Amino acid sequence: MHVKFIYDLRLGISVPHIEQEWDHLDEQTKANTLNKWEQIRGAIPDRVKQMENQIQSVHAQLSNEEDFEKSCQLNEEMAELASIINDLWILFRVTPSL
């Protein structure tokens, strides 16, 4: 198969890795790829919700943190979580077709 789904640890989902141009894939491979992607894509909103819950948890820690360096670390963690959410929504909006 010329399409692999590789688990992205940062995003927490598998993303497609296409080894050749989409237009050069046979119709069955395209259909299988789209089917698998739709299954993964359908789980993205749940993954975003998990990340939002993590942001809320970190924000709660930040609210009670008095150490400046620790506050900076918590802010960086929230920024990274927000970045992941943004990337997930971008992927969610990707809807390739045959």
C-alpha atoms as a PDB file:
ATOM      1  CA  MET A   1       0.000   0.000   0.000  1.00  0.00           C
ATOM      2  CA  HIS A   2       1.220   3.484  -0.816  1.00  0.00           C
ATOM      3  CA  VAL A   3      -0.553   5.118   2.120  1.00  0.00           C
ATOM      4  CA  LYS A   4       0.404   4.578   5.731  1.00  0.00           C
ATOM      5  CA  PHE A   5      -1.230   5.984   8.829  1.00  0.00           C
ATOM      6  CA  ILE A   6       1.443   6.955  11.314  1.00  0.00           C
ATOM      7  CA  TYR A   7       0.604   7.722  14.929  1.00  0.00           C
ATOM      8  CA  ASP A   8       1.574  11.284  15.846  1.00  0.00           C
ATOM      9  CA  LEU A   9       2.402  11.327  19.539  1.00  0.00           C
ATOM     10  CA  ARG A  10       1.985  15.103  19.796  1.00  0.00           C
ATOM     11  CA  LEU A  11      -1.486  15.108  18.225  1.00  0.00           C
ATOM     12  CA  GLY A  12      -2.606  11.828  19.718  1.00  0.00           C
ATOM     13  CA  ILE A  13      -3.995  10.557  16.409  1.00  0.00           C
ATOM     14  CA  SER A  14      -2.735   8.739  13.341  1.00  0.00           C
ATOM     15  CA  VAL A  15      -2.129  10.877  10.286  1.00  0.00           C
ATOM     16  CA  PRO A  16      -1.851   9.729   6.688  1.00  0.00           C
ATOM     17  CA  HIS A  17       1.524   9.526   5.029  1.00  0.00           C
ATOM     18  CA  ILE A  18       1.104   9.194   1.285  1.00  0.00           C
ATOM     19  CA  GLU A  19       4.169   7.800  -0.455  1.00  0.00           C
ATOM     20  CA  GLN A  20       3.198   9.024  -3.904  1.00  0.00           C
ATOM     21  CA  GLU A  21       0.933  11.674  -5.414  1.00  0.00           C
ATOM     22  CA  TRP A  22      -2.758  11.239  -4.614  1.00  0.00           C
ATOM     23  CA  ASP A  23      -3.708  11.334  -8.297  1.00  0.00           C
ATOM     24  CA  HIS A  24      -1.444   8.355  -8.990  1.00  0.00           C
ATOM     25  CA  LEU A  25      -3.138   6.094  -6.435  1.00  0.00           C
ATOM     26  CA  ASP A  26      -5.691   3.558  -7.633  1.00  0.00           C
ATOM     27  CA  GLU A  27      -9.339   4.133  -6.761  1.00  0.00           C
ATOM     28  CA  GLN A  28      -9.482   1.303  -4.194  1.00  0.00           C
ATOM     29  CA  THR A  29      -6.489   2.686  -2.295  1.00  0.00           C
ATOM     30  CA  LYS A  30      -8.054   6.133  -2.332  1.00  0.00           C
ATOM     31  CA  ALA A  31     -11.361   4.766  -1.060  1.00  0.00           C
ATOM     32  CA  ASN A  32      -9.676   2.766   1.716  1.00  0.00           C
ATOM     33  CA  THR A  33      -7.591   5.773   2.710  1.00  0.00           C
ATOM     34  CA  LEU A  34     -10.608   8.076   2.831  1.00  0.00           C
ATOM     35  CA  ASN A  35     -12.582   5.542   4.853  1.00  0.00           C
ATOM     36  CA  LYS A  36      -9.814   5.209   7.435  1.00  0.00           C
ATOM     37  CA  TRP A  37      -9.267   8.980   7.527  1.00  0.00           C
ATOM     38  CA  GLU A  38     -12.975   9.604   8.153  1.00  0.00           C
ATOM     39  CA  GLN A  39     -12.834   7.235  11.137  1.00  0.00           C
ATOM     40  CA  ILE A  40      -9.818   9.069  12.551  1.00  0.00           C
ATOM     41  CA  ARG A  41     -11.258  12.476  11.665  1.00  0.00           C
ATOM     42  CA  GLY A  42     -14.446  11.619  13.540  1.00  0.00           C
ATOM     43  CA  ALA A  43     -12.434  11.189  16.749  1.00  0.00           C
ATOM     44  CA  ILE A  44     -10.756  14.599  16.507  1.00  0.00           C
ATOM     45  CA  PRO A  45     -13.475  16.554  18.392  1.00  0.00           C
ATOM     46  CA  ASP A  46     -13.107  14.143  21.336  1.00  0.00           C
ATOM     47  CA  ARG A  47      -9.345  14.606  21.245  1.00  0.00           C
ATOM     48  CA  VAL A  48      -9.795  18.390  21.221  1.00  0.00           C
ATOM     49  CA  LYS A  49     -12.067  18.125  24.255  1.00  0.00           C
ATOM     50  CA  GLN A  50      -9.352  16.147  26.078  1.00  0.00           C
ATOM     51  CA  MET A  51      -6.832  18.850  25.264  1.00  0.00           C
ATOM     52  CA  GLU A  52      -9.232  21.580  26.419  1.00  0.00           C
ATOM     53  CA  ASN A  53      -9.648  19.745  29.718  1.00  0.00           C
ATOM     54  CA  GLN A  54      -5.866  19.651  30.074  1.00  0.00           C
ATOM     55  CA  ILE A  55      -5.714  23.401  29.437  1.00  0.00           C
ATOM     56  CA  GLN A  56      -8.303  23.975  32.159  1.00  0.00           C
ATOM     57  CA  SER A  57      -6.279  21.864  34.554  1.00  0.00           C
ATOM     58  CA  VAL A  58      -3.067  23.740  33.782  1.00  0.00           C
ATOM     59  CA  HIS A  59      -4.903  27.056  34.059  1.00  0.00           C
ATOM     60  CA  ALA A  60      -6.146  26.071  37.514  1.00  0.00           C
ATOM     61  CA  GLN A  61      -2.562  25.293  38.528  1.00  0.00           C
ATOM     62  CA  LEU A  62      -1.437  28.625  37.113  1.00  0.00           C
ATOM     63  CA  SER A  63      -4.069  30.492  39.113  1.00  0.00           C
ATOM     64  CA  ASN A  64      -2.520  29.224  42.343  1.00  0.00           C
ATOM     65  CA  GLU A  65       1.125  29.396  41.307  1.00  0.00           C
ATOM     66  CA  GLU A  66       3.333  31.977  42.969  1.00  0.00           C
ATOM     67  CA  ASP A  67       6.689  30.916  41.549  1.00  0.00           C
ATOM     68  CA  PHE A  68       7.469  32.956  38.425  1.00  0.00           C
ATOM     69  CA  GLU A  69       9.489  30.260  36.664  1.00  0.00           C
ATOM     70  CA  LYS A  70       6.814  27.649  37.289  1.00  0.00           C
ATOM     71  CA  SER A  71       4.198  30.123  36.003  1.00  0.00           C
ATOM     72  CA  CYS A  72       6.200  30.522  32.814  1.00  0.00           C
ATOM     73  CA  GLN A  73       6.377  26.749  32.379  1.00  0.00           C
ATOM     74  CA  LEU A  74       2.627  26.447  32.864  1.00  0.00           C
ATOM     75  CA  ASN A  75       2.019  29.210  30.315  1.00  0.00           C
ATOM     76  CA  GLU A  76       4.260  27.404  27.829  1.00  0.00           C
ATOM     77  CA  GLU A  77       2.362  24.176  28.464  1.00  0.00           C
ATOM     78  CA  MET A  78      -0.964  25.906  27.811  1.00  0.00           C
ATOM     79  CA  ALA A  79       0.416  27.458  24.618  1.00  0.00           C
ATOM     80  CA  GLU A  80       1.558  24.043  23.380  1.00  0.00           C
ATOM     81  CA  LEU A  81      -1.827  22.506  24.162  1.00  0.00           C
ATOM     82  CA  ALA A  82      -3.543  25.351  22.294  1.00  0.00           C
ATOM     83  CA  SER A  83      -1.188  24.768  19.352  1.00  0.00           C
ATOM     84  CA  ILE A  84      -2.125  21.088  19.292  1.00  0.00           C
ATOM     85  CA  ILE A  85      -5.820  21.983  19.324  1.00  0.00           C
ATOM     86  CA  ASN A  86      -5.265  24.346  16.399  1.00  0.00           C
ATOM     87  CA  ASP A  87      -3.441  21.641  14.430  1.00  0.00           C
ATOM     88  CA  LEU A  88      -6.200  19.137  15.175  1.00  0.00           C
ATOM     89  CA  TRP A  89      -8.888  21.524  13.905  1.00  0.00           C
ATOM     90  CA  ILE A  90      -6.868  22.109  10.738  1.00  0.00           C
ATOM     91  CA  LEU A  91      -6.718  18.349  10.178  1.00  0.00           C
ATOM     92  CA  PHE A  92     -10.421  18.031  10.973  1.00  0.00           C
ATOM     93  CA  ARG A  93     -11.212  20.446   8.164  1.00  0.00           C
ATOM     94  CA  VAL A  94      -9.203  18.408   5.647  1.00  0.00           C
ATOM     95  CA  THR A  95     -11.741  16.500   3.600  1.00  0.00           C
ATOM     96  CA  PRO A  96     -10.075  14.959   0.574  1.00  0.00           C
ATOM     97  CA  SER A  97     -12.205  13.382  -2.101  1.00  0.00           C
ATOM     98  CA  LEU A  98     -11.811  10.780  -4.770  1.00  0.00           C
END
